[in-house]
Amino acid sequence: MTVDICPVCGFDDEYGFEDYQELRESFLICACCGCEYGYDDNIDHYEKWVAKGCNWFVKKRRPQNWSLEDQIKNQIRPWPITNEG
């Protein structure tokens, strides 16, 4: 399955993720939430990002009319079990 959005925050990157069949094994980093796929693509990372105010990892990549509410509708769930334990 080809994935073209961040599974954690739902960001549809203009550069695209479509070259990667599985983001969880690519180790790319989302410009929005900073998730490194294959390392911290889980609910813990998402909850920490939200708790810190949903700040952009690469601020200059934030779209002009960005809406968190619209973006998170794209999230891919369920997420794997947390990294703890």
PDB file of N, CA and C in Angstrom:
ATOM      1  N   MET A   1       0.833  -1.183   0.000  1.00  0.00           N
ATOM      2  CA  MET A   1       0.000   0.000   0.000  1.00  0.00           C
ATOM      3  C   MET A   1       0.878   1.246   0.000  1.00  0.00           C
ATOM      4  N   THR A   2       0.617   2.151  -0.886  1.00  0.00           N
ATOM      5  CA  THR A   2       1.362   3.401  -0.937  1.00  0.00           C
ATOM      6  C   THR A   2       0.718   4.398   0.009  1.00  0.00           C
ATOM      7  N   VAL A   3       1.538   5.066   0.805  1.00  0.00           N
ATOM      8  CA  VAL A   3       1.062   6.056   1.765  1.00  0.00           C
ATOM      9  C   VAL A   3       1.596   7.411   1.337  1.00  0.00           C
ATOM     10  N   ASP A   4       0.719   8.419   1.241  1.00  0.00           N
ATOM     11  CA  ASP A   4       1.197   9.726   0.805  1.00  0.00           C
ATOM     12  C   ASP A   4       0.950  10.824   1.826  1.00  0.00           C
ATOM     13  N   ILE A   5       0.610  10.433   3.060  1.00  0.00           N
ATOM     14  CA  ILE A   5       0.454  11.412   4.141  1.00  0.00           C
ATOM     15  C   ILE A   5       1.141  10.884   5.393  1.00  0.00           C
ATOM     16  N   CYS A   6       1.410  11.773   6.330  1.00  0.00           N
ATOM     17  CA  CYS A   6       1.987  11.349   7.607  1.00  0.00           C
ATOM     18  C   CYS A   6       0.922  10.583   8.379  1.00  0.00           C
ATOM     19  N   PRO A   7       1.213   9.353   8.782  1.00  0.00           N
ATOM     20  CA  PRO A   7       0.213   8.581   9.508  1.00  0.00           C
ATOM     21  C   PRO A   7      -0.063   9.122  10.909  1.00  0.00           C
ATOM     22  N   VAL A   8       0.845   9.908  11.452  1.00  0.00           N
ATOM     23  CA  VAL A   8       0.696  10.421  12.811  1.00  0.00           C
ATOM     24  C   VAL A   8      -0.143  11.686  12.853  1.00  0.00           C
ATOM     25  N   CYS A   9       0.229  12.696  12.052  1.00  0.00           N
ATOM     26  CA  CYS A   9      -0.485  13.984  12.128  1.00  0.00           C
ATOM     27  C   CYS A   9      -1.372  14.255  10.920  1.00  0.00           C
ATOM     28  N   GLY A  10      -1.265  13.435   9.881  1.00  0.00           N
ATOM     29  CA  GLY A  10      -2.111  13.611   8.706  1.00  0.00           C
ATOM     30  C   GLY A  10      -1.594  14.606   7.695  1.00  0.00           C
ATOM     31  N   PHE A  11      -0.373  15.110   7.860  1.00  0.00           N
ATOM     32  CA  PHE A  11       0.177  16.101   6.934  1.00  0.00           C
ATOM     33  C   PHE A  11       0.398  15.504   5.555  1.00  0.00           C
ATOM     34  N   ASP A  12      -0.136  16.169   4.547  1.00  0.00           N
ATOM     35  CA  ASP A  12       0.041  15.787   3.152  1.00  0.00           C
ATOM     36  C   ASP A  12       1.174  16.635   2.606  1.00  0.00           C
ATOM     37  N   ASP A  13       2.366  16.082   2.620  1.00  0.00           N
ATOM     38  CA  ASP A  13       3.568  16.817   2.239  1.00  0.00           C
ATOM     39  C   ASP A  13       3.584  17.109   0.743  1.00  0.00           C
ATOM     40  N   GLU A  14       3.822  18.356   0.386  1.00  0.00           N
ATOM     41  CA  GLU A  14       3.853  18.738  -1.035  1.00  0.00           C
ATOM     42  C   GLU A  14       4.938  17.999  -1.799  1.00  0.00           C
ATOM     43  N   TYR A  15       5.990  17.556  -1.088  1.00  0.00           N
ATOM     44  CA  TYR A  15       7.049  16.800  -1.746  1.00  0.00           C
ATOM     45  C   TYR A  15       6.648  15.344  -1.899  1.00  0.00           C
ATOM     46  N   GLY A  16       5.653  14.943  -1.138  1.00  0.00           N
ATOM     47  CA  GLY A  16       5.068  13.615  -1.265  1.00  0.00           C
ATOM     48  C   GLY A  16       5.864  12.524  -0.591  1.00  0.00           C
ATOM     49  N   PHE A  17       5.139  11.558  -0.118  1.00  0.00           N
ATOM     50  CA  PHE A  17       5.721  10.366   0.460  1.00  0.00           C
ATOM     51  C   PHE A  17       5.492   9.180  -0.470  1.00  0.00           C
ATOM     52  N   GLU A  18       4.892   9.425  -1.645  1.00  0.00           N
ATOM     53  CA  GLU A  18       4.439   8.336  -2.498  1.00  0.00           C
ATOM     54  C   GLU A  18       5.547   7.418  -3.003  1.00  0.00           C
ATOM     55  N   ASP A  19       6.801   7.828  -2.899  1.00  0.00           N
ATOM     56  CA  ASP A  19       7.894   6.968  -3.323  1.00  0.00           C
ATOM     57  C   ASP A  19       8.153   5.833  -2.342  1.00  0.00           C
ATOM     58  N   TYR A  20       7.532   5.912  -1.192  1.00  0.00           N
ATOM     59  CA  TYR A  20       7.780   4.929  -0.147  1.00  0.00           C
ATOM     60  C   TYR A  20       6.549   4.079   0.063  1.00  0.00           C
ATOM     61  N   GLN A  21       6.712   2.779  -0.038  1.00  0.00           N
ATOM     62  CA  GLN A  21       5.580   1.871   0.121  1.00  0.00           C
ATOM     63  C   GLN A  21       5.122   1.796   1.568  1.00  0.00           C
ATOM     64  N   GLU A  22       6.021   1.855   2.492  1.00  0.00           N
ATOM     65  CA  GLU A  22       5.676   1.804   3.906  1.00  0.00           C
ATOM     66  C   GLU A  22       6.471   2.877   4.637  1.00  0.00           C
ATOM     67  N   LEU A  23       5.795   3.903   5.115  1.00  0.00           N
ATOM     68  CA  LEU A  23       6.480   4.959   5.849  1.00  0.00           C
ATOM     69  C   LEU A  23       7.144   4.430   7.107  1.00  0.00           C
ATOM     70  N   ARG A  24       6.585   3.430   7.714  1.00  0.00           N
ATOM     71  CA  ARG A  24       7.122   2.922   8.971  1.00  0.00           C
ATOM     72  C   ARG A  24       8.532   2.359   8.814  1.00  0.00           C
ATOM     73  N   GLU A  25       8.970   2.149   7.603  1.00  0.00           N
ATOM     74  CA  GLU A  25      10.313   1.621   7.384  1.00  0.00           C
ATOM     75  C   GLU A  25      11.213   2.594   6.643  1.00  0.00           C
ATOM     76  N   SER A  26      10.745   3.806   6.389  1.00  0.00           N
ATOM     77  CA  SER A  26      11.518   4.729   5.569  1.00  0.00           C
ATOM     78  C   SER A  26      12.455   5.617   6.362  1.00  0.00           C
ATOM     79  N   PHE A  27      12.151   5.888   7.623  1.00  0.00           N
ATOM     80  CA  PHE A  27      12.910   6.775   8.491  1.00  0.00           C
ATOM     81  C   PHE A  27      12.947   8.219   7.976  1.00  0.00           C
ATOM     82  N   LEU A  28      11.932   8.586   7.178  1.00  0.00           N
ATOM     83  CA  LEU A  28      11.757   9.981   6.795  1.00  0.00           C
ATOM     84  C   LEU A  28      11.226  10.740   8.004  1.00  0.00           C
ATOM     85  N   ILE A  29      11.352  12.071   7.992  1.00  0.00           N
ATOM     86  CA  ILE A  29      10.860  12.882   9.093  1.00  0.00           C
ATOM     87  C   ILE A  29       9.785  13.819   8.574  1.00  0.00           C
ATOM     88  N   CYS A  30       8.647  13.840   9.253  1.00  0.00           N
ATOM     89  CA  CYS A  30       7.530  14.699   8.868  1.00  0.00           C
ATOM     90  C   CYS A  30       7.868  16.151   9.167  1.00  0.00           C
ATOM     91  N   ALA A  31       7.657  17.018   8.195  1.00  0.00           N
ATOM     92  CA  ALA A  31       7.929  18.446   8.367  1.00  0.00           C
ATOM     93  C   ALA A  31       6.985  19.086   9.374  1.00  0.00           C
ATOM     94  N   CYS A  32       5.836  18.482   9.582  1.00  0.00           N
ATOM     95  CA  CYS A  32       4.852  19.048  10.502  1.00  0.00           C
ATOM     96  C   CYS A  32       5.103  18.607  11.944  1.00  0.00           C
ATOM     97  N   CYS A  33       4.951  17.328  12.220  1.00  0.00           N
ATOM     98  CA  CYS A  33       5.028  16.867  13.614  1.00  0.00           C
ATOM     99  C   CYS A  33       6.407  16.360  14.025  1.00  0.00           C
ATOM    100  N   GLY A  34       7.325  16.195  13.065  1.00  0.00           N
ATOM    101  CA  GLY A  34       8.673  15.736  13.380  1.00  0.00           C
ATOM    102  C   GLY A  34       8.783  14.242  13.602  1.00  0.00           C
ATOM    103  N   CYS A  35       7.739  13.508  13.289  1.00  0.00           N
ATOM    104  CA  CYS A  35       7.762  12.058  13.442  1.00  0.00           C
ATOM    105  C   CYS A  35       8.800  11.453  12.499  1.00  0.00           C
ATOM    106  N   GLU A  36       9.642  10.583  13.047  1.00  0.00           N
ATOM    107  CA  GLU A  36      10.566   9.832  12.208  1.00  0.00           C
ATOM    108  C   GLU A  36       9.956   8.454  11.997  1.00  0.00           C
ATOM    109  N   TYR A  37       9.507   8.189  10.776  1.00  0.00           N
ATOM    110  CA  TYR A  37       8.810   6.949  10.471  1.00  0.00           C
ATOM    111  C   TYR A  37       9.729   5.753  10.663  1.00  0.00           C
ATOM    112  N   GLY A  38       9.236   4.801  11.404  1.00  0.00           N
ATOM    113  CA  GLY A  38      10.024   3.628  11.729  1.00  0.00           C
ATOM    114  C   GLY A  38      10.642   3.736  13.106  1.00  0.00           C
ATOM    115  N   TYR A  39      10.561   4.917  13.720  1.00  0.00           N
ATOM    116  CA  TYR A  39      11.129   5.106  15.054  1.00  0.00           C
ATOM    117  C   TYR A  39      10.077   5.578  16.047  1.00  0.00           C
ATOM    118  N   ASP A  40       9.428   6.711  15.756  1.00  0.00           N
ATOM    119  CA  ASP A  40       8.471   7.239  16.729  1.00  0.00           C
ATOM    120  C   ASP A  40       7.100   7.519  16.123  1.00  0.00           C
ATOM    121  N   ASP A  41       6.690   6.704  15.176  1.00  0.00           N
ATOM    122  CA  ASP A  41       5.362   6.849  14.578  1.00  0.00           C
ATOM    123  C   ASP A  41       4.344   6.078  15.410  1.00  0.00           C
ATOM    124  N   ASN A  42       3.965   6.700  16.529  1.00  0.00           N
ATOM    125  CA  ASN A  42       3.055   6.054  17.465  1.00  0.00           C
ATOM    126  C   ASN A  42       2.277   7.100  18.250  1.00  0.00           C
ATOM    127  N   ILE A  43       1.383   6.640  19.073  1.00  0.00           N
ATOM    128  CA  ILE A  43       0.522   7.543  19.833  1.00  0.00           C
ATOM    129  C   ILE A  43       1.309   8.394  20.819  1.00  0.00           C
ATOM    130  N   ASP A  44       2.401   7.861  21.374  1.00  0.00           N
ATOM    131  CA  ASP A  44       3.219   8.653  22.295  1.00  0.00           C
ATOM    132  C   ASP A  44       3.740   9.911  21.619  1.00  0.00           C
ATOM    133  N   HIS A  45       4.276   9.743  20.412  1.00  0.00           N
ATOM    134  CA  HIS A  45       4.800  10.901  19.686  1.00  0.00           C
ATOM    135  C   HIS A  45       3.688  11.902  19.419  1.00  0.00           C
ATOM    136  N   TYR A  46       2.542  11.436  18.972  1.00  0.00           N
ATOM    137  CA  TYR A  46       1.407  12.316  18.690  1.00  0.00           C
ATOM    138  C   TYR A  46       0.971  13.073  19.946  1.00  0.00           C
ATOM    139  N   GLU A  47       0.826  12.382  21.051  1.00  0.00           N
ATOM    140  CA  GLU A  47       0.384  13.031  22.287  1.00  0.00           C
ATOM    141  C   GLU A  47       1.377  14.076  22.773  1.00  0.00           C
ATOM    142  N   LYS A  48       2.672  13.807  22.639  1.00  0.00           N
ATOM    143  CA  LYS A  48       3.688  14.789  23.027  1.00  0.00           C
ATOM    144  C   LYS A  48       3.630  16.010  22.116  1.00  0.00           C
ATOM    145  N   TRP A  49       3.433  15.778  20.820  1.00  0.00           N
ATOM    146  CA  TRP A  49       3.340  16.880  19.858  1.00  0.00           C
ATOM    147  C   TRP A  49       2.144  17.766  20.189  1.00  0.00           C
ATOM    148  N   VAL A  50       1.007  17.153  20.483  1.00  0.00           N
ATOM    149  CA  VAL A  50      -0.204  17.906  20.835  1.00  0.00           C
ATOM    150  C   VAL A  50       0.007  18.659  22.142  1.00  0.00           C
ATOM    151  N   ALA A  51       0.591  17.999  23.152  1.00  0.00           N
ATOM    152  CA  ALA A  51       0.814  18.624  24.457  1.00  0.00           C
ATOM    153  C   ALA A  51       1.715  19.854  24.359  1.00  0.00           C
ATOM    154  N   LYS A  52       2.621  19.848  23.374  1.00  0.00           N
ATOM    155  CA  LYS A  52       3.534  20.986  23.196  1.00  0.00           C
ATOM    156  C   LYS A  52       2.969  22.054  22.273  1.00  0.00           C
ATOM    157  N   GLY A  53       1.715  21.901  21.846  1.00  0.00           N
ATOM    158  CA  GLY A  53       1.065  22.933  21.042  1.00  0.00           C
ATOM    159  C   GLY A  53       1.052  22.698  19.546  1.00  0.00           C
ATOM    160  N   CYS A  54       1.332  21.491  19.096  1.00  0.00           N
ATOM    161  CA  CYS A  54       1.316  21.158  17.661  1.00  0.00           C
ATOM    162  C   CYS A  54       2.226  22.076  16.844  1.00  0.00           C
ATOM    163  N   ASN A  55       3.385  22.355  17.379  1.00  0.00           N
ATOM    164  CA  ASN A  55       4.351  23.207  16.678  1.00  0.00           C
ATOM    165  C   ASN A  55       4.944  22.470  15.484  1.00  0.00           C
ATOM    166  N   TRP A  56       5.208  23.226  14.441  1.00  0.00           N
ATOM    167  CA  TRP A  56       5.781  22.652  13.224  1.00  0.00           C
ATOM    168  C   TRP A  56       7.252  22.343  13.421  1.00  0.00           C
ATOM    169  N   PHE A  57       7.667  21.176  12.955  1.00  0.00           N
ATOM    170  CA  PHE A  57       9.059  20.760  13.019  1.00  0.00           C
ATOM    171  C   PHE A  57       9.903  21.600  12.060  1.00  0.00           C
ATOM    172  N   VAL A  58       9.390  21.841  10.853  1.00  0.00           N
ATOM    173  CA  VAL A  58      10.047  22.707   9.867  1.00  0.00           C
ATOM    174  C   VAL A  58       9.066  23.848   9.574  1.00  0.00           C
ATOM    175  N   LYS A  59       9.210  24.935  10.306  1.00  0.00           N
ATOM    176  CA  LYS A  59       8.239  26.037  10.256  1.00  0.00           C
ATOM    177  C   LYS A  59       8.005  26.599   8.856  1.00  0.00           C
ATOM    178  N   LYS A  60       9.039  26.667   8.037  1.00  0.00           N
ATOM    179  CA  LYS A  60       8.885  27.246   6.700  1.00  0.00           C
ATOM    180  C   LYS A  60       8.066  26.364   5.755  1.00  0.00           C
ATOM    181  N   ARG A  61       7.781  25.125   6.150  1.00  0.00           N
ATOM    182  CA  ARG A  61       6.986  24.225   5.307  1.00  0.00           C
ATOM    183  C   ARG A  61       5.498  24.278   5.639  1.00  0.00           C
ATOM    184  N   ARG A  62       5.133  25.055   6.668  1.00  0.00           N
ATOM    185  CA  ARG A  62       3.720  25.163   7.057  1.00  0.00           C
ATOM    186  C   ARG A  62       2.939  25.904   5.969  1.00  0.00           C
ATOM    187  N   PRO A  63       1.874  25.282   5.428  1.00  0.00           N
ATOM    188  CA  PRO A  63       1.060  25.947   4.406  1.00  0.00           C
ATOM    189  C   PRO A  63       0.395  27.213   4.960  1.00  0.00           C
ATOM    190  N   GLN A  64       0.172  28.196   4.098  1.00  0.00           N
ATOM    191  CA  GLN A  64      -0.414  29.467   4.522  1.00  0.00           C
ATOM    192  C   GLN A  64      -1.747  29.297   5.219  1.00  0.00           C
ATOM    193  N   ASN A  65      -2.623  28.515   4.682  1.00  0.00           N
ATOM    194  CA  ASN A  65      -3.959  28.349   5.246  1.00  0.00           C
ATOM    195  C   ASN A  65      -4.084  27.041   6.016  1.00  0.00           C
ATOM    196  N   TRP A  66      -3.044  26.678   6.740  1.00  0.00           N
ATOM    197  CA  TRP A  66      -3.004  25.409   7.451  1.00  0.00           C
ATOM    198  C   TRP A  66      -4.092  25.336   8.514  1.00  0.00           C
ATOM    199  N   SER A  67      -4.740  24.182   8.605  1.00  0.00           N
ATOM    200  CA  SER A  67      -5.763  23.928   9.607  1.00  0.00           C
ATOM    201  C   SER A  67      -5.491  22.580  10.254  1.00  0.00           C
ATOM    202  N   LEU A  68      -5.185  22.587  11.537  1.00  0.00           N
ATOM    203  CA  LEU A  68      -4.948  21.341  12.255  1.00  0.00           C
ATOM    204  C   LEU A  68      -6.183  20.454  12.210  1.00  0.00           C
ATOM    205  N   GLU A  69      -7.350  21.041  12.372  1.00  0.00           N
ATOM    206  CA  GLU A  69      -8.590  20.269  12.382  1.00  0.00           C
ATOM    207  C   GLU A  69      -8.788  19.507  11.074  1.00  0.00           C
ATOM    208  N   ASP A  70      -8.494  20.155   9.951  1.00  0.00           N
ATOM    209  CA  ASP A  70      -8.616  19.480   8.656  1.00  0.00           C
ATOM    210  C   ASP A  70      -7.534  18.419   8.478  1.00  0.00           C
ATOM    211  N   GLN A  71      -6.329  18.740   8.913  1.00  0.00           N
ATOM    212  CA  GLN A  71      -5.206  17.837   8.705  1.00  0.00           C
ATOM    213  C   GLN A  71      -5.356  16.534   9.482  1.00  0.00           C
ATOM    214  N   ILE A  72      -5.770  16.596  10.733  1.00  0.00           N
ATOM    215  CA  ILE A  72      -5.812  15.363  11.528  1.00  0.00           C
ATOM    216  C   ILE A  72      -6.883  14.388  11.057  1.00  0.00           C
ATOM    217  N   LYS A  73      -7.771  14.836  10.196  1.00  0.00           N
ATOM    218  CA  LYS A  73      -8.759  13.924   9.613  1.00  0.00           C
ATOM    219  C   LYS A  73      -8.076  12.890   8.712  1.00  0.00           C
ATOM    220  N   ASN A  74      -6.847  13.177   8.293  1.00  0.00           N
ATOM    221  CA  ASN A  74      -6.094  12.289   7.406  1.00  0.00           C
ATOM    222  C   ASN A  74      -5.258  11.249   8.139  1.00  0.00           C
ATOM    223  N   GLN A  75      -5.209  11.314   9.457  1.00  0.00           N
ATOM    224  CA  GLN A  75      -4.369  10.386  10.215  1.00  0.00           C
ATOM    225  C   GLN A  75      -4.708   8.939   9.874  1.00  0.00           C
ATOM    226  N   ILE A  76      -3.685   8.102   9.924  1.00  0.00           N
ATOM    227  CA  ILE A  76      -3.867   6.680   9.680  1.00  0.00           C
ATOM    228  C   ILE A  76      -3.859   5.980  11.036  1.00  0.00           C
ATOM    229  N   ARG A  77      -4.962   5.365  11.376  1.00  0.00           N
ATOM    230  CA  ARG A  77      -5.070   4.658  12.649  1.00  0.00           C
ATOM    231  C   ARG A  77      -5.622   3.270  12.402  1.00  0.00           C
ATOM    232  N   PRO A  78      -5.445   2.303  13.250  1.00  0.00           N
ATOM    233  CA  PRO A  78      -4.873   2.415  14.596  1.00  0.00           C
ATOM    234  C   PRO A  78      -3.359   2.487  14.549  1.00  0.00           C
ATOM    235  N   TRP A  79      -2.794   3.113  15.556  1.00  0.00           N
ATOM    236  CA  TRP A  79      -1.341   3.190  15.676  1.00  0.00           C
ATOM    237  C   TRP A  79      -0.824   2.003  16.466  1.00  0.00           C
ATOM    238  N   PRO A  80       0.461   1.731  16.299  1.00  0.00           N
ATOM    239  CA  PRO A  80       1.038   0.611  17.060  1.00  0.00           C
ATOM    240  C   PRO A  80       1.077   0.925  18.549  1.00  0.00           C
ATOM    241  N   ILE A  81       1.290  -0.102  19.324  1.00  0.00           N
ATOM    242  CA  ILE A  81       1.427   0.049  20.777  1.00  0.00           C
ATOM    243  C   ILE A  81       2.591   0.981  21.057  1.00  0.00           C
ATOM    244  N   THR A  82       2.541   1.695  22.173  1.00  0.00           N
ATOM    245  CA  THR A  82       3.571   2.675  22.526  1.00  0.00           C
ATOM    246  C   THR A  82       4.943   2.027  22.610  1.00  0.00           C
ATOM    247  N   ASN A  83       5.973   2.873  22.589  1.00  0.00           N
ATOM    248  CA  ASN A  83       7.354   2.393  22.679  1.00  0.00           C
ATOM    249  C   ASN A  83       7.700   1.910  24.086  1.00  0.00           C
ATOM    250  N   GLU A  84       6.880   2.257  25.063  1.00  0.00           N
ATOM    251  CA  GLU A  84       7.165   1.876  26.445  1.00  0.00           C
ATOM    252  C   GLU A  84       6.932   0.389  26.630  1.00  0.00           C
ATOM    253  N   GLY A  85       7.809  -0.229  27.444  1.00  0.00           N
ATOM    254  CA  GLY A  85       7.627  -1.635  27.807  1.00  0.00           C
ATOM    255  C   GLY A  85       8.122  -2.501  26.762  1.00  0.00           C
TER     256      GLY A  85
END
